[in-house]
C-alpha cells in the first residue's frame, strides 16, 4: 500500500533545506520550514510554503529540539519529515520518535541508523559481509592496549584514533609516534564526548596517500538495491570534504565495478532502504580499498551523482518513503558526464577561521554546465551558530577536463561574494594546481601544498573595482575624451 505524502516538514536549514524543497515543489508536495530566531529571514524560510519559528539560536533549542520539531509537524498536519544532512539526520532516537508519532520518516530504519552510527558495530557487519576493512582495534581503553595491538599485528605508525560514534572529522586524531599516544587518546575522547555524548574509541592503521571513494546506494522496500556509481571525496581540510567529483579519477573500470558491487553487497547485508553512502579509503599504492563507514543520510555531495546519472536522489528517497518500487534497474544507470562540486564555506581561506556577517554582494554564477545549491541571498546574514557551508557550486562536462574548465570559469569570473570571507580563493587554487588536474592527490594534498596554494590566491573585491573606475576617471580628466567613448 502506498503512503500518501502531501506535506513534508524539512527538519533543517540553509542549503539542505532548500535542496529538498526544490524537489518537493517539482512533486507538488507542500513544505514546512522550521527556523530559529536569527534565521527568521533566511533563504530556506522564503522558499518553503510555510515557516514556523522553532526556538532560539542555540541548535539544542531549535534544530536539535526533537520534541518541538515533531509537535510542529503534527500541528501543521505534515505527513512526513525529511532531515536533510547534519543536525538530526543520523539520529536513531529522532527517527524512532517520528515513526512513533505516526509520521513518515524519510530515511533508513532507526535500527540501521543506530548500528551504522557505531563505527565498531559497522565494522563487524562489514567483516560479516566479506568487505575488506582497515586493520584496527575496537573499544580502545588505554595506551597499553594500542601498543599491544600494534606489536601483535605488526602495525607501524601513523595510526588514527577515532570516535566510534558520529563523523564529520570530529573525534579523529592522527598519531605519528609513541610519545603522542596519551595526548591523542585524551583529545579524541574529549572531542567525542562533546560532539556525540559518547567517548567510545577505536584505533586503525592510517593509510598514507589514501583517497576517499564513496559509493551512492539507493534501495527500495521491494528488495531492489542499486548503486549510482562512485564519487571521489579526497580533497579535505581538517577531515572535512571541500571538493568532490564523479566519477573518481583514481579507479580503472575493474576497480570501479568491484568497489560499487562490494557496496551493494554490504547494503544488502544491512537490509538498507532509501539513499545512503558506503565510504571507502583507497590505497593508491597497493590499489586496495577498505571499508570506512556507512552514511545513513543524503550526502552533501549527492548532486555530482545526480549530474552524471540524471536521477533525483531526493525524489527517490520520497518514493521509497511512499512505498514505491523503483522504475529502473541497475543496467539502466549509465553515467555520461563528469561532474565537480565545491563547497563554499564562510571561512578565512588561509586559516579556516569562521567568517560571519552580512553578505553585501552576491553574484550567482551562470553559464553552460553550472548548477548552484544556495542557502543564502544578497543581504542575508551568516550567523555564528551553525555550520559555515552556505552554497554548493557544481559544474559538469563531457569529461574531467571540461568539468574543471567550467569550474574555473565559474569560480574566477562569475562568482562574487562580498561582506564575508570565503574559501573560494583556495578552491580556485586547488583546481588550477597541476597535480589536481592530473588526478594526483591524496587526503593530505591541502596540508602538503598549503603555502603554494596560498601563493596562488587571486582575491578581488569592491575596492579593486573602485580603483579601476578611478583609473578611468583620472585618464579621462588628464587626456580628455577617448575614442571608445
Protein backbone atom coordinates (compact mmCIF):
# COMPACT_ATOMS: atom_id res chain seq x y z
CA UNK A 1 0.00 0.00 0.00
CA UNK A 2 1.38 3.39 -0.99
CA UNK A 3 1.83 6.04 1.70
CA UNK A 4 0.32 9.44 0.93
CA UNK A 5 2.78 12.33 1.26
CA UNK A 6 1.26 15.72 0.52
CA UNK A 7 3.21 17.84 3.02
CA UNK A 8 6.79 17.48 4.31
CA UNK A 9 8.37 19.26 7.25
CA UNK A 10 12.05 19.81 6.47
CA UNK A 11 13.97 19.49 9.74
CA UNK A 12 16.96 21.53 8.64
CA UNK A 13 18.09 24.95 7.42
CA UNK A 14 20.16 26.55 4.66
CA UNK A 15 21.45 24.52 1.72
CA UNK A 16 20.00 21.09 2.59
CA UNK A 17 16.56 22.53 3.38
CA UNK A 18 16.38 24.47 0.11
CA UNK A 19 17.61 21.45 -1.87
CA UNK A 20 14.82 19.24 -0.51
CA UNK A 21 12.20 21.94 -1.08
CA UNK A 22 13.09 22.21 -4.78
CA UNK A 23 12.26 18.55 -5.36
CA UNK A 24 9.10 18.84 -3.24
CA UNK A 25 7.95 21.67 -5.47
CA UNK A 26 8.55 19.54 -8.57
CA UNK A 27 6.44 16.78 -6.99
CA UNK A 28 3.73 19.26 -5.91
CA UNK A 29 4.36 18.44 -2.25
CA UNK A 30 3.97 21.42 0.09
CA UNK A 31 6.76 22.14 2.58
CA UNK A 32 7.06 23.47 6.10
CA UNK A 33 10.30 25.17 7.14
CA UNK A 34 11.44 25.49 10.73
CA UNK A 35 13.65 28.37 11.76
CA UNK A 36 15.47 29.76 14.76
CA UNK A 37 15.28 33.43 15.77
CA UNK A 38 18.38 34.55 13.80
CA UNK A 39 17.13 32.55 10.78
CA UNK A 40 13.74 34.29 10.56
CA UNK A 41 14.70 35.94 7.23
CA UNK A 42 16.74 33.03 5.90
CA UNK A 43 16.51 31.75 2.35
CA UNK A 44 15.03 28.36 3.27
CA UNK A 45 12.14 30.10 5.07
CA UNK A 46 11.31 32.10 1.93
CA UNK A 47 11.47 29.05 -0.34
CA UNK A 48 9.12 26.96 1.84
CA UNK A 49 5.34 27.18 1.61
CA UNK A 50 5.24 28.00 5.32
CA UNK A 51 7.79 28.82 8.01
CA UNK A 52 7.41 28.08 11.71
CA UNK A 53 9.58 29.57 14.46
CA UNK A 54 11.12 26.68 16.38
CA UNK A 55 13.29 28.33 19.05
CA UNK A 56 16.30 30.47 19.86
CA UNK A 57 19.71 30.39 18.17
CA UNK A 58 21.45 27.51 20.00
CA UNK A 59 20.75 24.31 18.00
CA UNK A 60 19.68 22.43 21.13
CA UNK A 61 16.79 24.92 21.42
CA UNK A 62 15.85 24.84 17.73
CA UNK A 63 17.18 22.47 15.07
CA UNK A 64 18.04 19.75 17.61
CA UNK A 65 14.82 20.13 19.62
CA UNK A 66 13.29 16.74 18.73
CA UNK A 67 10.01 17.13 20.63
CA UNK A 68 9.29 20.61 19.30
CA UNK A 69 10.02 19.61 15.70
CA UNK A 70 7.63 16.66 15.89
CA UNK A 71 4.95 18.79 17.61
CA UNK A 72 5.29 21.34 14.81
CA UNK A 73 4.93 18.64 12.15
CA UNK A 74 1.75 17.37 13.81
CA UNK A 75 0.27 20.85 14.25
CA UNK A 76 0.98 21.72 10.62
CA UNK A 77 -0.57 18.41 9.52
CA UNK A 78 2.60 17.30 7.76
CA UNK A 79 2.71 13.69 6.56
CA UNK A 80 6.46 13.23 6.73
CA UNK A 81 9.77 14.66 7.96
CA UNK A 82 12.93 14.89 5.87
CA UNK A 83 16.06 15.63 7.95
CA UNK A 84 18.46 16.58 5.13
CA UNK A 85 22.06 16.22 6.33
CA UNK A 86 23.58 17.28 9.63
CA UNK A 87 21.61 18.08 12.80
CA UNK A 88 19.24 15.11 13.38
CA UNK A 89 19.74 13.33 10.04
CA UNK A 90 21.55 10.35 11.60
CA UNK A 91 19.86 10.39 14.99
CA UNK A 92 18.20 7.00 15.52
CA UNK A 93 16.22 8.24 18.52
CA UNK A 94 14.67 11.07 16.49
CA UNK A 95 13.85 8.73 13.60
CA UNK A 96 12.03 6.41 16.01
CA UNK A 97 10.18 9.33 17.62
CA UNK A 98 8.99 10.45 14.18
CA UNK A 99 7.62 7.00 13.40
CA UNK A 100 6.06 6.65 16.86
CA UNK A 101 4.23 9.94 16.30
CA UNK A 102 2.55 8.45 13.23
CA UNK A 103 4.67 10.45 10.79
CA UNK A 104 6.69 9.09 7.84
CA UNK A 105 10.45 9.20 8.31
CA UNK A 106 12.23 9.90 5.02
CA UNK A 107 15.39 7.96 5.77
CA UNK A 108 16.61 4.50 6.75
CA UNK A 109 15.15 2.48 9.61
CA UNK A 110 16.15 3.68 13.12
CA UNK A 111 17.85 0.34 13.87
CA UNK A 112 20.04 0.70 10.78
CA UNK A 113 20.98 4.27 11.71
CA UNK A 114 21.90 3.09 15.20
CA UNK A 115 24.08 0.18 14.07
CA UNK A 116 25.83 2.16 11.31
CA UNK A 117 26.35 5.15 13.62
CA UNK A 118 28.60 2.96 15.76
CA UNK A 119 31.82 2.51 13.76
CA UNK A 120 32.71 -0.60 15.76
CA UNK A 121 29.38 -2.28 15.04
CA UNK A 122 29.50 -1.18 11.40
CA UNK A 123 32.94 -2.73 11.00
CA UNK A 124 31.69 -6.05 12.40
CA UNK A 125 28.86 -6.08 9.85
CA UNK A 126 31.31 -5.24 7.05
CA UNK A 127 33.53 -8.18 8.04
CA UNK A 128 30.47 -10.44 8.07
CA UNK A 129 29.65 -9.27 4.52
CA UNK A 130 33.21 -10.08 3.42
CA UNK A 131 34.05 -6.41 2.86
CA UNK A 132 37.74 -5.53 3.38
CA UNK A 133 38.36 -3.40 6.48
CA UNK A 134 41.34 -1.40 7.76
CA UNK A 135 43.48 -3.23 10.36
CA UNK A 136 42.36 -1.88 13.72
CA UNK A 137 41.24 -2.41 17.30
CA UNK A 138 37.84 -1.63 18.81
CA UNK A 139 36.79 -0.22 22.17
CA UNK A 140 40.14 1.37 22.99
CA UNK A 141 40.67 1.98 26.72
CA UNK A 142 44.31 2.94 27.17
CA UNK A 143 47.76 3.38 25.60
CA UNK A 144 48.91 -0.09 26.65
CA UNK A 145 46.09 -1.71 24.68
CA UNK A 146 47.07 0.20 21.50
CA UNK A 147 50.77 -0.69 21.86
CA UNK A 148 49.98 -4.38 22.34
CA UNK A 149 47.76 -4.37 19.24
CA UNK A 150 50.45 -2.66 17.15
CA UNK A 151 53.06 -5.17 18.33
CA UNK A 152 50.87 -8.25 17.78
CA UNK A 153 49.58 -7.14 14.38
CA UNK A 154 52.92 -5.60 13.30
CA UNK A 155 51.23 -2.24 12.68
CA UNK A 156 53.54 0.74 12.22
CA UNK A 157 52.87 4.46 12.66
CA UNK A 158 51.00 6.52 11.73
CA UNK A 159 47.70 5.37 13.20
CA UNK A 160 44.34 7.13 13.58
CA UNK A 161 42.30 7.24 16.78
CA UNK A 162 38.60 7.75 16.04
CA UNK A 163 35.36 8.30 17.88
CA UNK A 164 33.15 5.24 17.45
CA UNK A 165 30.07 7.46 17.08
CA UNK A 166 29.48 10.30 14.64
CA UNK A 167 31.58 11.65 11.80
CA UNK A 168 32.39 14.94 10.09
CA UNK A 169 36.02 14.76 11.14
CA UNK A 170 35.24 15.19 14.84
CA UNK A 171 36.95 12.95 17.37
CA UNK A 172 39.69 11.94 14.92
CA UNK A 173 43.37 12.31 15.85
CA UNK A 174 46.37 11.13 13.85
CA UNK A 175 49.29 9.71 15.86
CA UNK A 176 52.85 9.65 14.47
CA UNK A 177 54.84 8.22 17.43
CA UNK A 178 54.64 6.66 20.90
CA UNK A 179 55.05 9.96 22.74
CA UNK A 180 51.85 11.33 21.13
CA UNK A 181 49.60 8.42 22.08
CA UNK A 182 48.45 9.51 25.53
CA UNK A 183 47.61 13.07 24.46
CA UNK A 184 45.89 11.92 21.27
CA UNK A 185 43.78 9.41 23.18
CA UNK A 186 42.59 12.06 25.61
CA UNK A 187 41.93 14.59 22.83
CA UNK A 188 39.86 12.11 20.79
CA UNK A 189 37.92 11.03 23.86
CA UNK A 190 37.18 14.65 24.84
CA UNK A 191 36.06 15.62 21.30
CA UNK A 192 33.88 12.52 21.03
CA UNK A 193 32.23 13.22 24.37
CA UNK A 194 31.46 16.83 23.43
CA UNK A 195 30.29 16.14 19.88
CA UNK A 196 28.40 12.86 20.29
CA UNK A 197 27.96 12.34 24.04
CA UNK A 198 29.79 9.03 23.53
CA UNK A 199 33.50 8.67 24.26
CA UNK A 200 33.97 5.13 22.90
CA UNK A 201 37.04 4.99 20.64
CA UNK A 202 38.73 2.76 18.08
CA UNK A 203 42.22 2.80 16.57
CA UNK A 204 43.17 1.98 12.98
CA UNK A 205 46.20 1.91 10.75
CA UNK A 206 46.46 5.25 8.91
CA UNK A 207 46.66 4.82 5.14
CA UNK A 208 49.34 7.12 3.73
CA UNK A 209 48.32 8.79 0.46
CA UNK A 210 44.82 7.46 0.98
CA UNK A 211 41.95 8.55 -1.23
CA UNK A 212 38.30 8.68 -0.16
CA UNK A 213 35.94 6.91 -2.51
CA UNK A 214 32.25 6.64 -1.69
CA UNK A 215 29.52 4.72 -3.48
CA UNK A 216 25.98 6.11 -3.71
CA UNK A 217 23.38 3.45 -2.94
CA UNK A 218 19.60 3.61 -3.32
CA UNK A 219 17.34 0.82 -2.08
CA UNK A 220 13.56 0.47 -2.08
CA UNK A 221 11.32 -1.64 0.18
CA UNK A 222 10.89 -4.31 -2.51
CA UNK A 223 14.40 -5.75 -2.36
CA UNK A 224 15.99 -3.59 -5.06
CA UNK A 225 19.45 -2.33 -4.03
CA UNK A 226 21.33 -0.38 -6.71
CA UNK A 227 24.50 1.67 -6.89
CA UNK A 228 24.59 5.01 -8.68
CA UNK A 229 28.37 4.76 -9.18
CA UNK A 230 31.12 6.26 -7.06
CA UNK A 231 32.36 9.70 -6.05
CA UNK A 232 35.86 10.91 -5.23
CA UNK A 233 35.89 12.87 -1.95
CA UNK A 234 39.62 13.03 -1.25
CA UNK A 235 40.16 16.81 -1.13
CA UNK A 236 39.62 17.68 2.54
CA UNK A 237 40.62 20.19 5.15
CA UNK A 238 40.51 19.16 8.80
CA UNK A 239 38.99 15.81 7.77
CA UNK A 240 36.05 17.59 6.10
CA UNK A 241 35.49 17.47 2.34
CA UNK A 242 35.59 20.63 0.23
CA UNK A 243 35.82 19.27 -3.34
CA UNK A 244 34.09 16.19 -4.71
CA UNK A 245 33.76 14.69 -8.16
CA UNK A 246 32.16 11.83 -10.04
CA UNK A 247 33.33 9.52 -11.37
CA UNK A 248 36.60 9.00 -9.49
CA UNK A 249 39.84 9.63 -11.40
CA UNK A 250 41.55 7.10 -9.08
CA UNK A 251 39.84 3.96 -10.37
CA UNK A 252 40.01 1.86 -13.51
CA UNK A 253 36.89 0.07 -14.74
CA UNK A 254 37.67 -3.20 -12.95
CA UNK A 255 38.20 -1.48 -9.60
CA UNK A 256 35.13 0.67 -10.19
CA UNK A 257 32.91 -2.39 -10.68
CA UNK A 258 34.45 -4.18 -7.71
CA UNK A 259 34.03 -1.28 -5.26
CA UNK A 260 30.48 -0.48 -6.40
CA UNK A 261 29.20 -4.04 -6.14
CA UNK A 262 31.01 -4.50 -2.81
CA UNK A 263 28.96 -1.55 -1.54
CA UNK A 264 25.74 -3.13 -2.85
CA UNK A 265 26.61 -6.42 -1.12
CA UNK A 266 27.17 -4.63 2.18
CA UNK A 267 23.90 -2.69 1.98
CA UNK A 268 22.01 -5.91 1.24
CA UNK A 269 23.59 -7.47 4.34
CA UNK A 270 22.47 -4.46 6.39
CA UNK A 271 18.93 -4.54 4.99
CA UNK A 272 19.26 -0.91 3.96
CA UNK A 273 16.45 1.13 2.41
CA UNK A 274 16.34 4.67 0.90
CA UNK A 275 19.51 6.59 -0.12
CA UNK A 276 22.83 6.08 1.64
CA UNK A 277 26.55 6.01 1.02
CA UNK A 278 29.26 3.45 1.63
CA UNK A 279 32.61 5.16 2.15
CA UNK A 280 35.97 3.52 1.47
CA UNK A 281 39.60 4.52 1.85
CA UNK A 282 41.58 3.63 -1.28
CA UNK A 283 45.32 2.95 -1.02
CA UNK A 284 46.67 4.23 -4.33
CA UNK A 285 50.00 2.45 -3.80
CA UNK A 286 48.58 -1.05 -3.29
CA UNK A 287 45.40 -0.47 -5.34
CA UNK A 288 43.34 -1.87 -2.45
CA UNK A 289 40.26 -0.37 -0.82
CA UNK A 290 38.97 -0.68 2.75
CA UNK A 291 35.59 -0.01 4.34
CA UNK A 292 35.34 3.20 6.37
CA UNK A 293 31.68 3.81 7.21
CA UNK A 294 28.09 3.98 6.02
CA UNK A 295 26.46 7.41 5.87
CA UNK A 296 22.78 6.83 6.62
CA UNK A 297 21.53 10.04 5.03
CA UNK A 298 21.54 12.27 1.99
CA UNK A 299 25.14 13.35 1.37
CA UNK A 300 26.20 16.95 0.75
CA UNK A 301 27.85 15.82 -2.49
CA UNK A 302 24.86 13.86 -3.86
CA UNK A 303 24.49 16.49 -6.59
CA UNK A 304 27.50 15.29 -8.59
CA UNK A 305 25.90 11.85 -8.83
CA UNK A 306 22.64 13.43 -9.97
CA UNK A 307 24.51 15.35 -12.67
CA UNK A 308 26.17 12.24 -14.15
CA UNK A 309 23.14 9.93 -13.89
CA UNK A 310 20.18 12.26 -14.44
CA UNK A 311 18.44 10.89 -11.34
CA UNK A 312 16.97 12.97 -8.49
CA UNK A 313 18.10 11.26 -5.28
CA UNK A 314 15.76 13.29 -3.06
CA UNK A 315 12.85 12.20 -5.24
CA UNK A 316 13.99 8.58 -4.91
CA UNK A 317 14.04 8.96 -1.11
CA UNK A 318 10.47 10.28 -1.16
CA UNK A 319 9.41 7.43 -3.47
CA UNK A 320 10.87 4.88 -1.06
CA UNK A 321 9.09 6.54 1.87
CA UNK A 322 5.85 6.29 -0.12
CA UNK A 323 6.47 2.57 -0.57
CA UNK A 324 7.01 2.79 -4.31
CA UNK A 325 9.11 0.32 -6.27
CA UNK A 326 11.97 1.72 -8.37
CA UNK A 327 11.01 2.13 -12.02
CA UNK A 328 14.56 1.41 -13.23
CA UNK A 329 17.13 -1.39 -12.96
CA UNK A 330 20.89 -1.39 -12.28
CA UNK A 331 21.55 -1.83 -16.01
CA UNK A 332 19.66 1.42 -16.69
CA UNK A 333 22.21 3.52 -14.76
CA UNK A 334 24.56 4.95 -17.41
CA UNK A 335 26.77 7.87 -16.31
CA UNK A 336 27.51 10.03 -19.34
CA UNK A 337 29.22 13.12 -17.91
CA UNK A 338 31.85 14.21 -15.39
CA UNK A 339 30.85 16.47 -12.50
CA UNK A 340 32.64 18.51 -9.83
CA UNK A 341 31.33 20.11 -6.65
CA UNK A 342 32.98 22.70 -4.43
CA UNK A 343 31.70 23.74 -1.03
CA UNK A 344 31.58 27.49 -0.43
CA UNK A 345 32.17 27.98 3.30
CA UNK A 346 32.20 31.25 5.22
CA UNK A 347 35.79 30.88 6.36
CA UNK A 348 39.14 32.59 6.01
CA UNK A 349 40.81 30.70 3.12
CA UNK A 350 44.22 30.84 4.81
CA UNK A 351 43.32 29.85 8.38
CA UNK A 352 39.82 28.32 8.04
CA UNK A 353 38.65 30.58 10.87
CA UNK A 354 34.87 31.21 10.65
CA UNK A 355 33.77 34.44 8.97
CA UNK A 356 30.34 35.70 9.96
CA UNK A 357 28.39 38.80 8.98
CA UNK A 358 26.19 40.16 6.19
CA UNK A 359 26.62 39.24 2.52
CA UNK A 360 26.74 42.71 0.99
CA UNK A 361 27.10 41.46 -2.57
CA UNK A 362 26.27 38.12 -4.14
CA UNK A 363 26.64 37.47 -7.85
CA UNK A 364 25.44 33.95 -8.67
CA UNK A 365 27.35 32.10 -11.43
CA UNK A 366 25.64 31.21 -14.67
CA UNK A 367 26.59 29.55 -17.91
CA UNK A 368 26.73 26.10 -19.52
CA UNK A 369 27.11 23.12 -17.20
CA UNK A 370 26.59 25.04 -13.93
CA UNK A 371 24.34 24.06 -11.01
CA UNK A 372 24.03 26.09 -7.81
CA UNK A 373 22.61 24.99 -4.46
CA UNK A 374 22.40 28.11 -2.32
CA UNK A 375 21.24 28.66 1.21
CA UNK A 376 21.56 32.47 1.19
CA UNK A 377 20.76 35.59 -0.84
CA UNK A 378 22.36 39.04 -1.17
CA UNK A 379 21.79 40.89 2.10
CA UNK A 380 21.46 37.68 4.15
CA UNK A 381 23.33 37.20 7.40
CA UNK A 382 25.73 34.35 8.10
CA UNK A 383 25.10 33.68 11.83
CA UNK A 384 27.83 32.29 14.11
CA UNK A 385 25.72 29.44 15.49
CA UNK A 386 25.72 26.94 12.63
CA UNK A 387 27.86 25.21 10.01
CA UNK A 388 29.77 27.60 7.74
CA UNK A 389 28.58 25.99 4.49
CA UNK A 390 26.19 28.31 2.63
CA UNK A 391 26.49 27.33 -1.04
CA UNK A 392 27.36 24.37 -3.25
CA UNK A 393 28.70 25.08 -6.71
CA UNK A 394 28.64 22.25 -9.26
CA UNK A 395 29.81 22.01 -12.84
CA UNK A 396 29.58 19.23 -15.41
CA UNK A 397 31.19 18.45 -18.74
CA UNK A 398 31.68 15.61 -21.19
CA UNK A 399 34.95 14.70 -19.44
CA UNK A 400 37.03 15.73 -16.44
CA UNK A 401 38.94 18.46 -18.26
CA UNK A 402 35.76 20.18 -19.46
CA UNK A 403 34.19 19.97 -15.97
CA UNK A 404 37.34 21.55 -14.49
CA UNK A 405 37.33 24.32 -17.13
CA UNK A 406 33.70 25.10 -16.32
CA UNK A 407 34.53 25.24 -12.62
CA UNK A 408 37.48 27.57 -13.27
CA UNK A 409 35.24 29.90 -15.28
CA UNK A 410 32.54 29.79 -12.63
CA UNK A 411 34.81 30.49 -9.65
CA UNK A 412 37.09 33.04 -11.29
CA UNK A 413 34.70 35.01 -13.50
CA UNK A 414 31.10 34.55 -12.44
CA UNK A 415 31.06 34.26 -8.65
CA UNK A 416 31.28 37.38 -6.48
CA UNK A 417 30.74 37.29 -2.71
CA UNK A 418 31.44 40.32 -0.53
CA UNK A 419 30.90 41.19 3.12
CA UNK A 420 32.36 37.93 4.42
CA UNK A 421 35.44 35.84 3.73
CA UNK A 422 35.01 32.55 1.88
CA UNK A 423 37.31 29.68 0.88
CA UNK A 424 36.75 30.46 -2.82
CA UNK A 425 40.40 31.53 -3.43
CA UNK A 426 41.59 28.19 -2.02
CA UNK A 427 39.15 26.23 -4.18
CA UNK A 428 40.27 28.06 -7.32
CA UNK A 429 43.94 27.49 -6.45
CA UNK A 430 43.30 23.75 -5.99
CA UNK A 431 41.52 23.21 -9.30
CA UNK A 432 44.27 25.16 -11.09
CA UNK A 433 47.03 23.08 -9.47
CA UNK A 434 48.80 20.75 -11.90
CA UNK A 435 48.66 17.80 -9.50
CA UNK A 436 44.89 18.12 -9.09
CA UNK A 437 44.37 18.45 -12.83
CA UNK A 438 46.47 15.30 -13.32
CA UNK A 439 44.39 13.44 -10.70
CA UNK A 440 47.48 13.03 -8.50
CA UNK A 441 46.35 13.83 -4.94
CA UNK A 442 45.55 12.32 -1.55
CA UNK A 443 43.79 13.34 1.66
CA UNK A 444 46.99 15.20 2.61
CA UNK A 445 47.00 17.34 -0.56
CA UNK A 446 45.93 20.62 1.10
CA UNK A 447 48.16 20.03 4.13
CA UNK A 448 51.20 19.37 1.90
CA UNK A 449 50.57 22.20 -0.58
CA UNK A 450 49.01 24.92 1.60
CA UNK A 451 51.79 27.50 1.23
CA UNK A 452 51.88 27.01 -2.53
CA UNK A 453 48.10 27.23 -2.78
CA UNK A 454 48.01 30.47 -0.76
CA UNK A 455 50.60 31.97 -3.11
CA UNK A 456 48.17 31.32 -5.98
CA UNK A 457 45.29 33.28 -4.41
CA UNK A 458 43.67 35.95 -6.55
CA UNK A 459 41.30 37.97 -4.39
CA UNK A 460 39.19 40.82 -5.84
CA UNK A 461 36.69 42.96 -4.01
CA UNK A 462 34.69 46.18 -4.38
CA UNK A 463 37.80 48.24 -3.62
CA UNK A 464 39.54 46.76 -6.70
CA UNK A 465 36.60 47.82 -8.86
CA UNK A 466 36.57 51.31 -7.32
CA UNK A 467 40.28 51.69 -8.13
CA UNK A 468 39.64 50.58 -11.70
CA UNK A 469 36.88 53.18 -12.10
CA UNK A 470 39.09 55.85 -10.53
CA UNK A 471 41.83 54.97 -13.05
CA UNK A 472 39.40 55.54 -15.95
CA UNK A 473 38.21 58.86 -14.46
CA UNK A 474 41.80 60.06 -13.97
CA UNK A 475 42.70 59.09 -17.52
CA UNK A 476 39.74 60.99 -18.99
CA UNK A 477 40.41 64.02 -16.77
CA UNK A 478 44.03 64.17 -17.88
CA UNK A 479 43.67 63.31 -21.56
CA UNK A 480 40.15 64.42 -22.44
CA UNK A 481 37.52 62.34 -24.28
CA UNK A 482 38.74 58.95 -25.57
CA UNK A 483 37.96 57.26 -28.89
CA UNK A 484 35.96 54.50 -27.23
CA UNK A 485 33.57 56.99 -25.56
